[in-house]
C-alpha atoms as a PDB file:
ATOM      1  CA  UNK A   1     120.663-159.796-225.609  1.00  0.00           C
ATOM      2  CA  UNK A   2     120.756-161.088-229.517  1.00  0.00           C
ATOM      3  CA  UNK A   3     122.416-157.910-230.955  1.00  0.00           C
ATOM      4  CA  UNK A   4     125.190-158.576-228.559  1.00  0.00           C
ATOM      5  CA  UNK A   5     125.324-162.176-229.779  1.00  0.00           C
ATOM      6  CA  UNK A   6     125.475-160.763-233.231  1.00  0.00           C
ATOM      7  CA  UNK A   7     127.611-158.412-232.376  1.00  0.00           C
ATOM      8  CA  UNK A   8     130.368-161.017-230.342  1.00  0.00           C
ATOM      9  CA  UNK A   9     130.221-164.019-233.492  1.00  0.00           C
ATOM     10  CA  UNK A  10     131.310-160.408-235.770  1.00  0.00           C
ATOM     11  CA  UNK A  11     133.757-160.086-233.576  1.00  0.00           C
ATOM     12  CA  UNK A  12     134.620-163.225-233.665  1.00  0.00           C
ATOM     13  CA  UNK A  13     134.340-163.602-237.023  1.00  0.00           C
ATOM     14  CA  UNK A  14     136.958-160.931-237.809  1.00  0.00           C
ATOM     15  CA  UNK A  15     139.581-162.713-234.986  1.00  0.00           C
ATOM     16  CA  UNK A  16     139.406-165.549-236.998  1.00  0.00           C
ATOM     17  CA  UNK A  17     139.944-164.649-240.531  1.00  0.00           C
ATOM     18  CA  UNK A  18     143.156-162.118-239.471  1.00  0.00           C
ATOM     19  CA  UNK A  19     144.742-164.396-236.712  1.00  0.00           C
ATOM     20  CA  UNK A  20     147.717-164.211-239.677  1.00  0.00           C
ATOM     21  CA  UNK A  21     147.124-159.996-239.184  1.00  0.00           C
ATOM     22  CA  UNK A  22     147.032-160.334-235.670  1.00  0.00           C
ATOM     23  CA  UNK A  23     150.318-162.299-234.965  1.00  0.00           C
ATOM     24  CA  UNK A  24     152.536-160.586-237.278  1.00  0.00           C
ATOM     25  CA  UNK A  25     151.246-157.049-235.134  1.00  0.00           C
ATOM     26  CA  UNK A  26     151.778-159.067-231.484  1.00  0.00           C
ATOM     27  CA  UNK A  27     155.035-159.930-232.612  1.00  0.00           C
ATOM     28  CA  UNK A  28     155.580-156.291-233.899  1.00  0.00           C
ATOM     29  CA  UNK A  29     158.516-153.966-233.223  1.00  0.00           C
ATOM     30  CA  UNK A  30     155.967-151.534-232.546  1.00  0.00           C
ATOM     31  CA  UNK A  31     154.200-153.425-230.128  1.00  0.00           C
ATOM     32  CA  UNK A  32     157.519-154.207-227.992  1.00  0.00           C
ATOM     33  CA  UNK A  33     157.877-151.117-227.274  1.00  0.00           C
ATOM     34  CA  UNK A  34     154.531-150.567-226.250  1.00  0.00           C
ATOM     35  CA  UNK A  35     154.144-153.444-224.490  1.00  0.00           C
ATOM     36  CA  UNK A  36     157.202-152.848-222.222  1.00  0.00           C
ATOM     37  CA  UNK A  37     155.705-149.161-221.408  1.00  0.00           C
ATOM     38  CA  UNK A  38     152.427-150.991-220.417  1.00  0.00           C
ATOM     39  CA  UNK A  39     153.672-153.957-218.304  1.00  0.00           C
ATOM     40  CA  UNK A  40     156.795-151.522-216.637  1.00  0.00           C
ATOM     41  CA  UNK A  41     154.356-148.522-215.898  1.00  0.00           C
ATOM     42  CA  UNK A  42     151.691-151.893-214.404  1.00  0.00           C
ATOM     43  CA  UNK A  43     154.562-153.433-212.656  1.00  0.00           C
ATOM     44  CA  UNK A  44     155.971-150.205-210.798  1.00  0.00           C
ATOM     45  CA  UNK A  45     151.921-149.138-209.280  1.00  0.00           C
ATOM     46  CA  UNK A  46     151.950-152.707-207.947  1.00  0.00           C
ATOM     47  CA  UNK A  47     155.277-152.965-206.742  1.00  0.00           C
ATOM     48  CA  UNK A  48     153.873-149.227-205.101  1.00  0.00           C
ATOM     49  CA  UNK A  49     150.755-150.950-203.316  1.00  0.00           C
ATOM     50  CA  UNK A  50     152.364-154.517-202.579  1.00  0.00           C
ATOM     51  CA  UNK A  51     155.083-155.136-200.189  1.00  0.00           C
ATOM     52  CA  UNK A  52     158.352-155.339-201.306  1.00  0.00           C
ATOM     53  CA  UNK A  53     158.835-159.205-200.431  1.00  0.00           C
ATOM     54  CA  UNK A  54     156.247-159.459-203.841  1.00  0.00           C
ATOM     55  CA  UNK A  55     158.576-157.647-205.664  1.00  0.00           C
ATOM     56  CA  UNK A  56     160.268-160.550-207.671  1.00  0.00           C
ATOM     57  CA  UNK A  57     156.683-162.727-208.028  1.00  0.00           C
ATOM     58  CA  UNK A  58     156.139-159.008-209.680  1.00  0.00           C
ATOM     59  CA  UNK A  59     158.937-158.971-212.420  1.00  0.00           C
ATOM     60  CA  UNK A  60     158.423-162.605-213.084  1.00  0.00           C
ATOM     61  CA  UNK A  61     154.886-162.185-214.366  1.00  0.00           C
ATOM     62  CA  UNK A  62     155.687-159.257-215.907  1.00  0.00           C
ATOM     63  CA  UNK A  63     159.104-160.931-217.903  1.00  0.00           C
ATOM     64  CA  UNK A  64     156.531-163.909-218.688  1.00  0.00           C
ATOM     65  CA  UNK A  65     153.917-161.488-219.963  1.00  0.00           C
ATOM     66  CA  UNK A  66     156.527-159.848-221.981  1.00  0.00           C
ATOM     67  CA  UNK A  67     157.462-162.676-223.992  1.00  0.00           C
ATOM     68  CA  UNK A  68     154.365-162.871-225.611  1.00  0.00           C
ATOM     69  CA  UNK A  69     154.032-159.814-226.671  1.00  0.00           C
ATOM     70  CA  UNK A  70     156.594-157.963-228.851  1.00  0.00           C
ATOM     71  CA  UNK A  71     159.691-159.350-230.505  1.00  0.00           C
ATOM     72  CA  UNK A  72     162.217-159.646-227.936  1.00  0.00           C
END
């Protein structure tokens, strides 16, 4: 487990040292396009396996997640 703990610490340090770059990447136009495609596909897949009465809630969840990624 020591190796895993070291890897986790290094990953945490990398994230902490690059927070600004990570935020910039998450708010980029490219991230917006990718997130729209992924969220759209996931939302459509979930709608296919759930009753239609849940479509509105699925759309709400998708919209809330979309607000956190990209620039729109």
